[in-house]
Amino acid sequence: MQAVATRALNRPAPSDPHSLERGVRQALADNVCGSHLGLLLLVPEHLRLGTWDLLLAWTGQPPERVEPRLALQLVHEAALCVAGLRAARSLPQTGFGLLQGLPFLASDLAVHELLGAHTVTEAHDLQRALGQRRRACGDYAGKVLVVDPHRLRSHTKRRMRRRRKEPTARPTKVAQTFFAIDGDTCQPVCFTTGTASRTVTQATPELLDLAAAALGPRPEPTLVLADAEHFSLELIQQVRARTGFDLLVPMILQPSYLRRLRELPAEAFRRRWAGYATLRTSYAPSKPQGGTLPLLVQRFGEPPAECKFNAFVCTGQRDELEALTDDYPKRWHVEEFFNREQPLGWERAGTQNVNIRYGHRTMALLAQAVLRRLRLRLGEVVAGWDARHLAKDVLQGLEGDVRVTEDTIVVTYYNAPNADSLRIHYENLPEKLRAENLNPGVPWLYGYKLDFRFR
């Protein structure tokens, strides 16, 4: 396998199970002192989430093989929020490979071959399994789901469809990914991706099927919040056929329909408070096969002659005040998610090979899941940092050293933020993991236990 040797040199490295184990044990015997030791704080969260089992299932390889470790390297690279980490040739001497049980840093070619060997279907299976584990851990409320396309400008030379970010903007080439976010916890449930020609009408049904598998059976339909781009009769009909979801989508108010709303008497609206009133009515699409849908209307302003209107089509019977004032504002959580988490691997267009894009971004989804669990243990202030800030000041910023005592790897930190909080969660870690009915041995580190000290 090709490994990074120096800044300007790659060289073959033995990757058979015996050579990997011997190299890792030698690295531990050398007492590592590196600049990315904060990443070791993710190891207990990997054990709690079951990341290793997920990667074994995705690669289809036994635990002693190199492929699951390469996948774990991708997860840790995503957690560091850096593009071109391997191209920078800056990690061979920092002990980075040890984090995933490798005595070397895998090269671009090795990672490219790994991702290219796995299909979109395998990435979907990994997302479903991850979502089910996160649901069991309480990461999802499952009551409100936000769907939104995330588009990044692409500089490819290929001929491809161009899209406008705004009606007045110049159309550009884009790479797009469609996300589903839990509206209450702001955690990603799943995503789909595709070429620039794929529309939200085509992508959303597949996205909802993935979300349904992750969220599992629910006592009531999950409310799906979308923007006006999703106002499509074809999409509305497809969501209606999925009994586990209700779609709430803004209606594009054409001048003729807006005039009809203005002509309604003021008494037809229910006044909620000064300057705000609502109306429940029905919407009958021009196409007869569309059926009749509930229409929720907002009226803003005083007096009625000078009011503005918004209208929303809903595929289920929902209370209009709760849906419009409590639920729909949660749609903006998806923008907060992109601003905070997209450096993990969703801010780069990357290759046009869909298999590779799915694999790379699914590894970023795993990184986000374990980072979320780390945030909960770091304290309120640090937990509010965005992904790039967390990577710089915690994952790369902690100073320390690694030593082996019998069968335990002891990591000592000297400048950890909120050390008292971390001490509660990570000191005497093997005993804490046993109390949670977890095996403290780290499988990709050949059964070594892990413990932490904070000085």
Protein backbone atom coordinates (compact mmCIF):
# COMPACT_ATOMS: atom_id res chain seq x y z
CA MET A 1 0.00 0.00 0.00
CA GLN A 2 1.19 3.54 -0.78
CA ALA A 3 1.97 5.52 2.40
CA VAL A 4 3.15 9.08 2.97
CA ALA A 5 6.81 9.04 3.95
CA THR A 6 7.84 12.70 3.74
CA ARG A 7 6.45 15.94 2.37
CA ALA A 8 7.58 15.05 -1.14
CA LEU A 9 7.71 11.24 -1.10
CA ASN A 10 5.31 8.32 -1.04
CA ARG A 11 6.60 4.81 -0.63
CA PRO A 12 5.12 1.31 -0.40
CA ALA A 13 4.35 0.13 3.13
CA PRO A 14 3.46 -3.42 4.19
CA SER A 15 -0.24 -3.62 5.08
CA ASP A 16 -0.69 -7.26 6.03
CA PRO A 17 -2.23 -7.81 9.51
CA HIS A 18 1.05 -8.95 11.10
CA SER A 19 2.99 -5.89 9.87
CA LEU A 20 0.24 -3.51 11.00
CA GLU A 21 0.16 -4.91 14.53
CA ARG A 22 3.93 -4.96 14.85
CA GLY A 23 4.17 -1.35 13.63
CA VAL A 24 1.50 -0.11 16.03
CA ARG A 25 3.05 -1.85 19.02
CA GLN A 26 6.45 -0.37 18.13
CA ALA A 27 4.93 3.13 17.87
CA LEU A 28 3.39 2.74 21.31
CA ALA A 29 6.69 1.51 22.71
CA ASP A 30 8.32 4.71 21.40
CA ASN A 31 6.07 6.87 23.64
CA VAL A 32 4.34 9.08 21.08
CA CYS A 33 4.34 12.85 21.52
CA GLY A 34 2.31 14.51 18.77
CA SER A 35 0.25 17.53 17.83
CA HIS A 36 -3.06 15.77 17.27
CA LEU A 37 -3.44 14.00 20.59
CA GLY A 38 -6.82 15.63 21.20
CA LEU A 39 -8.24 13.18 18.68
CA LEU A 40 -7.74 10.42 21.25
CA LEU A 41 -10.67 11.92 23.15
CA LEU A 42 -12.83 10.60 20.31
CA VAL A 43 -11.85 6.99 20.99
CA PRO A 44 -14.26 6.50 23.94
CA GLU A 45 -17.03 8.07 21.89
CA HIS A 46 -16.26 5.66 19.04
CA LEU A 47 -16.64 2.80 21.50
CA ARG A 48 -19.94 4.15 22.80
CA LEU A 49 -21.34 4.76 19.32
CA GLY A 50 -20.02 1.52 17.81
CA THR A 51 -18.11 3.21 14.99
CA TRP A 52 -15.77 0.25 14.49
CA ASP A 53 -18.62 -2.19 13.88
CA LEU A 54 -20.18 0.22 11.39
CA LEU A 55 -16.92 0.51 9.46
CA LEU A 56 -16.40 -3.26 9.47
CA ALA A 57 -19.85 -3.69 7.95
CA TRP A 58 -19.20 -0.97 5.35
CA THR A 59 -15.83 -2.35 4.25
CA GLY A 60 -16.94 -5.99 4.50
CA GLN A 61 -13.51 -6.91 5.88
CA PRO A 62 -12.39 -8.60 9.14
CA PRO A 63 -11.00 -6.37 11.91
CA GLU A 64 -7.36 -7.31 11.36
CA ARG A 65 -7.41 -5.96 7.77
CA VAL A 66 -6.24 -2.49 6.73
CA GLU A 67 -9.47 -1.31 5.03
CA PRO A 68 -11.47 -0.51 8.22
CA ARG A 69 -8.48 1.44 9.52
CA LEU A 70 -8.31 3.48 6.32
CA ALA A 71 -12.00 4.30 6.77
CA LEU A 72 -11.30 5.39 10.35
CA GLN A 73 -8.50 7.61 9.03
CA LEU A 74 -11.11 9.33 6.85
CA VAL A 75 -13.34 9.89 9.89
CA HIS A 76 -10.49 11.49 11.82
CA GLU A 77 -9.45 13.62 8.85
CA ALA A 78 -13.02 14.92 8.64
CA ALA A 79 -12.97 15.71 12.37
CA LEU A 80 -9.86 17.86 11.80
CA CYS A 81 -11.76 19.97 9.20
CA VAL A 82 -8.85 20.21 6.80
CA ALA A 83 -8.77 19.81 3.02
CA GLY A 84 -5.67 18.27 1.55
CA LEU A 85 -4.48 16.79 4.83
CA ARG A 86 -2.70 13.96 3.08
CA ALA A 87 -1.42 16.24 0.32
CA ALA A 88 0.19 18.51 2.94
CA ARG A 89 2.48 15.62 3.89
CA SER A 90 2.60 16.93 7.44
CA LEU A 91 1.42 14.05 9.60
CA PRO A 92 3.79 11.07 9.35
CA GLN A 93 5.82 12.21 12.36
CA THR A 94 2.91 13.28 14.59
CA GLY A 95 1.53 9.87 15.43
CA PHE A 96 -1.66 10.50 13.47
CA GLY A 97 -1.70 7.00 11.99
CA LEU A 98 -1.67 5.48 15.47
CA LEU A 99 -5.16 6.87 16.11
CA GLN A 100 -6.62 4.33 13.71
CA GLY A 101 -4.20 1.49 14.36
CA LEU A 102 -1.86 2.23 11.45
CA PRO A 103 1.94 2.61 11.66
CA PHE A 104 1.83 4.96 8.64
CA LEU A 105 -0.29 7.62 6.97
CA ALA A 106 -2.19 6.27 3.97
CA SER A 107 -1.71 8.19 0.72
CA ASP A 108 -4.31 9.77 -1.55
CA LEU A 109 -4.19 6.80 -3.91
CA ALA A 110 -4.93 4.27 -1.15
CA VAL A 111 -7.90 6.29 0.10
CA HIS A 112 -9.19 6.88 -3.43
CA GLU A 113 -9.13 3.14 -4.15
CA LEU A 114 -10.94 2.40 -0.88
CA LEU A 115 -13.77 4.87 -1.58
CA GLY A 116 -14.05 3.91 -5.23
CA ALA A 117 -14.56 0.24 -4.31
CA HIS A 118 -17.80 0.93 -2.39
CA THR A 119 -21.17 1.78 -3.88
CA VAL A 120 -23.93 4.28 -3.14
CA THR A 121 -26.06 1.44 -1.74
CA GLU A 122 -23.35 0.57 0.80
CA ALA A 123 -23.18 4.23 1.88
CA HIS A 124 -26.96 4.25 2.33
CA ASP A 125 -26.74 1.12 4.47
CA LEU A 126 -24.08 2.78 6.63
CA GLN A 127 -26.25 5.88 7.06
CA ARG A 128 -29.23 3.76 8.10
CA ALA A 129 -27.20 1.83 10.66
CA LEU A 130 -25.66 5.03 12.03
CA GLY A 131 -29.06 6.73 12.25
CA GLN A 132 -30.55 3.79 14.13
CA ARG A 133 -27.71 3.90 16.66
CA ARG A 134 -28.06 7.66 17.09
CA ARG A 135 -31.80 7.28 17.56
CA ALA A 136 -31.17 4.72 20.32
CA CYS A 137 -28.76 7.20 21.94
CA GLY A 138 -31.42 9.93 21.95
CA ASP A 139 -29.86 12.17 19.29
CA TYR A 140 -33.20 12.53 17.44
CA ALA A 141 -36.59 13.67 18.67
CA GLY A 142 -38.21 12.46 15.44
CA LYS A 143 -41.10 14.96 15.53
CA VAL A 144 -39.85 17.52 13.00
CA LEU A 145 -37.57 16.90 10.03
CA VAL A 146 -35.98 19.66 7.95
CA VAL A 147 -35.01 18.91 4.34
CA ASP A 148 -32.80 21.27 2.37
CA PRO A 149 -30.36 21.13 -0.57
CA HIS A 150 -26.79 22.18 0.17
CA ARG A 151 -25.13 23.48 -3.00
CA LEU A 152 -21.46 24.32 -3.47
CA ARG A 153 -19.90 26.05 -6.41
CA SER A 154 -17.94 23.66 -8.63
CA HIS A 155 -15.03 24.66 -10.86
CA THR A 156 -15.14 21.49 -12.95
CA LYS A 157 -14.55 21.76 -16.69
CA ARG A 158 -17.36 19.30 -17.40
CA ARG A 159 -20.50 20.38 -19.19
CA MET A 160 -23.23 20.33 -16.58
CA ARG A 161 -26.40 22.06 -15.49
CA ARG A 162 -25.99 25.49 -13.94
CA ARG A 163 -28.11 26.81 -11.07
CA ARG A 164 -28.88 30.21 -9.63
CA LYS A 165 -28.39 30.83 -5.92
CA GLU A 166 -30.88 33.70 -6.14
CA PRO A 167 -33.26 34.77 -8.92
CA THR A 168 -31.04 37.73 -9.79
CA ALA A 169 -27.72 35.85 -9.48
CA ARG A 170 -25.67 34.52 -12.34
CA PRO A 171 -26.07 30.74 -12.86
CA THR A 172 -23.02 28.69 -11.90
CA LYS A 173 -21.94 25.07 -11.85
CA VAL A 174 -22.69 23.44 -8.49
CA ALA A 175 -22.30 20.16 -6.63
CA GLN A 176 -25.28 19.42 -4.45
CA THR A 177 -26.14 17.34 -1.42
CA PHE A 178 -29.63 16.98 0.08
CA PHE A 179 -29.77 16.87 3.88
CA ALA A 180 -32.39 15.82 6.41
CA ILE A 181 -31.91 17.43 9.85
CA ASP A 182 -33.84 16.78 13.06
CA GLY A 183 -35.63 20.07 13.70
CA ASP A 184 -35.50 19.80 17.50
CA THR A 185 -31.97 18.53 18.14
CA CYS A 186 -30.34 20.09 15.01
CA GLN A 187 -28.59 16.78 14.29
CA PRO A 188 -28.22 15.37 10.75
CA VAL A 189 -30.23 12.22 10.10
CA CYS A 190 -29.07 11.36 6.58
CA PHE A 191 -28.24 12.82 3.19
CA THR A 192 -28.28 12.00 -0.50
CA THR A 193 -26.15 13.45 -3.24
CA GLY A 194 -26.01 13.39 -7.00
CA THR A 195 -25.14 15.33 -10.11
CA ALA A 196 -26.14 18.95 -10.64
CA SER A 197 -29.09 17.86 -12.80
CA ARG A 198 -30.88 16.18 -9.91
CA THR A 199 -33.86 18.14 -8.58
CA VAL A 200 -35.37 18.24 -5.11
CA THR A 201 -38.44 16.45 -6.50
CA GLN A 202 -36.23 13.52 -7.48
CA ALA A 203 -34.01 13.51 -4.39
CA THR A 204 -36.50 14.11 -1.55
CA PRO A 205 -38.43 10.77 -1.72
CA GLU A 206 -35.16 8.81 -1.46
CA LEU A 207 -34.06 11.11 1.38
CA LEU A 208 -37.31 10.49 3.29
CA ASP A 209 -37.00 6.72 2.84
CA LEU A 210 -33.52 6.88 4.40
CA ALA A 211 -34.83 9.06 7.23
CA ALA A 212 -37.72 6.67 7.88
CA ALA A 213 -35.30 3.76 8.27
CA ALA A 214 -33.16 5.79 10.68
CA LEU A 215 -35.99 7.22 12.79
CA GLY A 216 -37.94 3.96 12.97
CA PRO A 217 -41.67 3.62 13.74
CA ARG A 218 -43.22 6.72 15.30
CA PRO A 219 -46.60 7.13 17.03
CA GLU A 220 -47.44 10.18 14.88
CA PRO A 221 -46.29 11.27 11.41
CA THR A 222 -43.10 13.33 11.37
CA LEU A 223 -43.60 16.88 10.08
CA VAL A 224 -41.25 17.59 7.15
CA LEU A 225 -40.36 21.25 6.69
CA ALA A 226 -39.27 22.37 3.21
CA ASP A 227 -38.76 25.62 1.34
CA ALA A 228 -40.56 26.93 -1.74
CA GLU A 229 -38.22 25.00 -4.03
CA HIS A 230 -40.04 21.85 -2.89
CA PHE A 231 -43.47 23.17 -3.97
CA SER A 232 -44.14 20.52 -6.60
CA LEU A 233 -47.35 18.57 -7.08
CA GLU A 234 -45.35 15.45 -7.94
CA LEU A 235 -43.37 15.68 -4.70
CA ILE A 236 -46.46 16.43 -2.61
CA GLN A 237 -48.19 13.34 -3.98
CA GLN A 238 -45.15 11.17 -3.25
CA VAL A 239 -44.97 12.41 0.35
CA ARG A 240 -48.70 11.80 0.82
CA ALA A 241 -48.08 8.19 -0.17
CA ARG A 242 -45.53 7.89 2.68
CA THR A 243 -47.78 7.60 5.71
CA GLY A 244 -44.97 8.35 8.19
CA PHE A 245 -44.57 11.98 7.05
CA ASP A 246 -46.56 15.20 6.72
CA LEU A 247 -45.06 17.80 4.38
CA LEU A 248 -45.33 21.52 5.13
CA VAL A 249 -44.14 23.57 2.16
CA PRO A 250 -44.59 27.25 1.23
CA MET A 251 -46.86 27.84 -1.73
CA ILE A 252 -45.55 30.00 -4.54
CA LEU A 253 -48.16 32.78 -4.58
CA GLN A 254 -48.89 33.70 -8.16
CA PRO A 255 -50.46 37.16 -8.68
CA SER A 256 -53.89 35.66 -9.40
CA TYR A 257 -53.94 33.63 -6.19
CA LEU A 258 -52.56 36.50 -4.13
CA ARG A 259 -55.39 38.68 -5.47
CA ARG A 260 -57.89 36.06 -4.27
CA LEU A 261 -56.41 36.18 -0.78
CA ARG A 262 -56.64 39.96 -0.70
CA GLU A 263 -60.29 39.81 -1.70
CA LEU A 264 -61.22 37.58 1.26
CA PRO A 265 -63.14 39.38 4.00
CA ALA A 266 -61.22 40.21 7.17
CA GLU A 267 -63.68 38.07 9.16
CA ALA A 268 -62.50 34.95 7.31
CA PHE A 269 -59.18 35.14 9.18
CA ARG A 270 -58.72 34.28 12.81
CA ARG A 271 -56.95 37.10 14.57
CA ARG A 272 -54.18 35.72 16.79
CA TRP A 273 -52.54 38.94 17.99
CA ALA A 274 -52.00 42.45 16.72
CA GLY A 275 -50.83 42.33 13.11
CA TYR A 276 -51.08 38.55 12.77
CA ALA A 277 -53.99 36.35 11.67
CA THR A 278 -54.35 32.86 10.21
CA LEU A 279 -56.77 31.06 7.95
CA ARG A 280 -57.30 27.36 7.28
CA THR A 281 -58.74 26.63 3.87
CA SER A 282 -58.14 24.18 1.03
CA TYR A 283 -56.04 24.19 -2.11
CA ALA A 284 -57.15 22.42 -5.27
CA PRO A 285 -54.36 22.12 -7.87
CA SER A 286 -55.23 22.77 -11.48
CA LYS A 287 -54.43 19.15 -12.31
CA PRO A 288 -57.43 17.03 -11.30
CA GLN A 289 -55.30 14.13 -10.05
CA GLY A 290 -53.78 16.43 -7.41
CA GLY A 291 -56.76 16.18 -5.08
CA THR A 292 -57.52 18.75 -2.40
CA LEU A 293 -54.89 19.76 0.17
CA PRO A 294 -55.08 21.76 3.41
CA LEU A 295 -53.87 25.34 2.92
CA LEU A 296 -52.60 27.37 5.87
CA VAL A 297 -52.52 31.14 5.30
CA GLN A 298 -50.73 33.84 7.30
CA ARG A 299 -51.77 37.49 7.18
CA PHE A 300 -49.33 40.12 8.43
CA GLY A 301 -50.00 43.77 9.11
CA GLU A 302 -52.71 46.29 9.84
CA PRO A 303 -55.09 47.41 8.36
CA PRO A 304 -56.23 44.40 6.27
CA ALA A 305 -56.00 46.36 3.00
CA GLU A 306 -52.24 46.75 3.45
CA CYS A 307 -51.48 43.23 4.64
CA LYS A 308 -48.95 40.75 3.33
CA PHE A 309 -49.66 37.03 2.96
CA ASN A 310 -47.85 33.70 3.17
CA ALA A 311 -49.48 30.41 2.29
CA PHE A 312 -48.36 26.86 3.11
CA VAL A 313 -49.60 23.55 1.74
CA CYS A 314 -49.68 20.71 4.26
CA THR A 315 -50.33 17.07 3.47
CA GLY A 316 -51.71 16.37 6.96
CA GLN A 317 -54.25 17.89 9.31
CA ARG A 318 -52.18 20.15 11.56
CA ASP A 319 -53.09 23.02 13.85
CA GLU A 320 -52.24 26.09 11.77
CA LEU A 321 -50.97 28.26 14.64
CA GLU A 322 -48.63 25.58 15.99
CA ALA A 323 -47.42 24.56 12.53
CA LEU A 324 -46.73 28.11 11.33
CA THR A 325 -45.38 29.77 14.47
CA ASP A 326 -43.76 26.92 16.43
CA ASP A 327 -42.74 24.32 13.87
CA TYR A 328 -41.89 26.08 10.63
CA PRO A 329 -39.31 28.49 12.15
CA LYS A 330 -37.28 25.36 13.01
CA ARG A 331 -36.47 25.12 9.32
CA TRP A 332 -33.74 27.70 9.82
CA HIS A 333 -31.84 25.27 12.05
CA VAL A 334 -30.51 23.71 8.85
CA GLU A 335 -28.65 26.93 8.03
CA GLU A 336 -27.17 26.93 11.54
CA PHE A 337 -26.06 23.34 10.96
CA PHE A 338 -24.32 24.22 7.69
CA ASN A 339 -22.57 27.22 9.22
CA ARG A 340 -21.32 25.19 12.19
CA GLU A 341 -20.60 21.75 10.71
CA GLN A 342 -19.92 22.04 6.97
CA PRO A 343 -16.09 22.24 7.42
CA LEU A 344 -16.23 18.54 8.36
CA GLY A 345 -16.38 17.72 4.65
CA TRP A 346 -19.50 19.27 3.16
CA GLU A 347 -17.98 22.56 1.99
CA ARG A 348 -15.96 21.06 -0.87
CA ALA A 349 -17.38 20.01 -4.21
CA GLY A 350 -14.74 17.33 -4.78
CA THR A 351 -14.86 14.67 -7.47
CA GLN A 352 -17.78 13.91 -9.79
CA ASN A 353 -17.48 10.20 -8.90
CA VAL A 354 -20.69 9.71 -6.92
CA ASN A 355 -19.42 6.57 -5.14
CA ILE A 356 -16.43 8.50 -3.78
CA ARG A 357 -18.53 11.51 -2.82
CA TYR A 358 -21.00 9.33 -0.92
CA GLY A 359 -18.24 7.48 0.91
CA HIS A 360 -16.28 10.59 1.85
CA ARG A 361 -19.34 12.51 3.09
CA THR A 362 -20.68 9.52 5.01
CA MET A 363 -17.37 9.37 6.89
CA ALA A 364 -17.94 13.06 7.73
CA LEU A 365 -21.38 12.09 9.06
CA LEU A 366 -19.67 9.61 11.41
CA ALA A 367 -17.20 12.29 12.50
CA GLN A 368 -20.05 14.69 13.30
CA ALA A 369 -21.77 12.02 15.41
CA VAL A 370 -18.75 11.37 17.64
CA LEU A 371 -17.88 15.08 17.86
CA ARG A 372 -21.37 15.79 19.08
CA ARG A 373 -20.87 13.35 21.94
CA LEU A 374 -17.51 14.95 22.76
CA ARG A 375 -19.12 18.41 22.80
CA LEU A 376 -21.57 17.26 25.47
CA ARG A 377 -18.64 16.38 27.76
CA LEU A 378 -16.54 19.48 27.11
CA GLY A 379 -18.83 21.94 28.87
CA GLU A 380 -21.27 24.58 27.72
CA VAL A 381 -18.83 27.16 26.32
CA VAL A 382 -16.65 24.75 24.32
CA ALA A 383 -19.70 22.82 23.12
CA GLY A 384 -20.88 25.95 21.31
CA TRP A 385 -17.76 26.20 19.14
CA ASP A 386 -18.11 25.44 15.45
CA ALA A 387 -16.36 22.40 13.98
CA ARG A 388 -13.30 24.30 12.78
CA HIS A 389 -12.78 26.02 16.15
CA LEU A 390 -13.17 22.72 17.99
CA ALA A 391 -10.65 21.02 15.68
CA LYS A 392 -8.07 23.79 16.03
CA ASP A 393 -8.21 24.34 19.81
CA VAL A 394 -9.06 20.84 21.07
CA LEU A 395 -8.29 18.09 18.56
CA GLN A 396 -5.07 19.73 17.35
CA GLY A 397 -4.41 22.14 20.21
CA LEU A 398 -3.94 19.86 23.22
CA GLU A 399 -0.37 19.22 24.36
CA GLY A 400 0.49 15.90 25.93
CA ASP A 401 2.20 12.56 25.62
CA VAL A 402 1.27 8.90 25.24
CA ARG A 403 2.77 6.08 27.31
CA VAL A 404 1.92 2.41 27.72
CA THR A 405 1.52 0.88 31.16
CA GLU A 406 1.01 -2.88 30.90
CA ASP A 407 -2.14 -3.21 28.71
CA THR A 408 -3.29 0.42 29.01
CA ILE A 409 -2.43 3.44 26.86
CA VAL A 410 -2.22 6.43 29.20
CA VAL A 411 -2.68 9.85 27.58
CA THR A 412 -1.63 12.88 29.63
CA TYR A 413 -2.89 16.38 28.71
CA TYR A 414 -1.37 19.57 30.07
CA ASN A 415 -3.61 22.35 28.72
CA ALA A 416 -7.06 20.85 28.27
CA PRO A 417 -10.02 23.29 28.40
CA ASN A 418 -12.54 22.59 31.15
CA ALA A 419 -10.17 20.01 32.60
CA ASP A 420 -12.39 19.42 35.63
CA SER A 421 -15.29 18.48 33.38
CA LEU A 422 -13.12 16.23 31.23
CA ARG A 423 -11.62 14.59 34.30
CA ILE A 424 -15.09 13.49 35.39
CA HIS A 425 -15.78 11.77 32.07
CA TYR A 426 -12.37 10.42 31.00
CA GLU A 427 -10.15 9.65 34.00
CA ASN A 428 -10.33 5.97 35.01
CA LEU A 429 -11.98 5.36 31.65
CA PRO A 430 -11.82 1.52 31.65
CA GLU A 431 -13.94 1.39 34.83
CA LYS A 432 -16.42 3.88 33.37
CA LEU A 433 -16.78 1.85 30.17
CA ARG A 434 -17.32 -1.37 32.11
CA ALA A 435 -20.04 0.39 34.11
CA GLU A 436 -21.73 1.10 30.75
CA ASN A 437 -21.42 -2.59 29.79
CA LEU A 438 -18.76 -1.80 27.18
CA ASN A 439 -15.49 -3.62 26.59
CA PRO A 440 -12.70 -1.11 27.42
CA GLY A 441 -10.31 -2.77 24.96
CA VAL A 442 -9.96 -0.71 21.76
CA PRO A 443 -10.32 -3.22 18.89
CA TRP A 444 -8.37 -1.25 16.25
CA LEU A 445 -5.54 -0.80 18.80
CA TYR A 446 -5.26 -4.54 19.33
CA GLY A 447 -7.14 -4.69 22.62
CA TYR A 448 -5.21 -1.97 24.46
CA LYS A 449 -7.28 -0.06 26.98
CA LEU A 450 -7.21 3.73 27.02
CA ASP A 451 -7.01 6.07 30.02
CA PHE A 452 -6.50 9.81 30.45
CA ARG A 453 -4.77 12.13 32.88
CA PHE A 454 -5.19 15.91 33.08
CA ARG A 455 -2.37 17.99 34.54
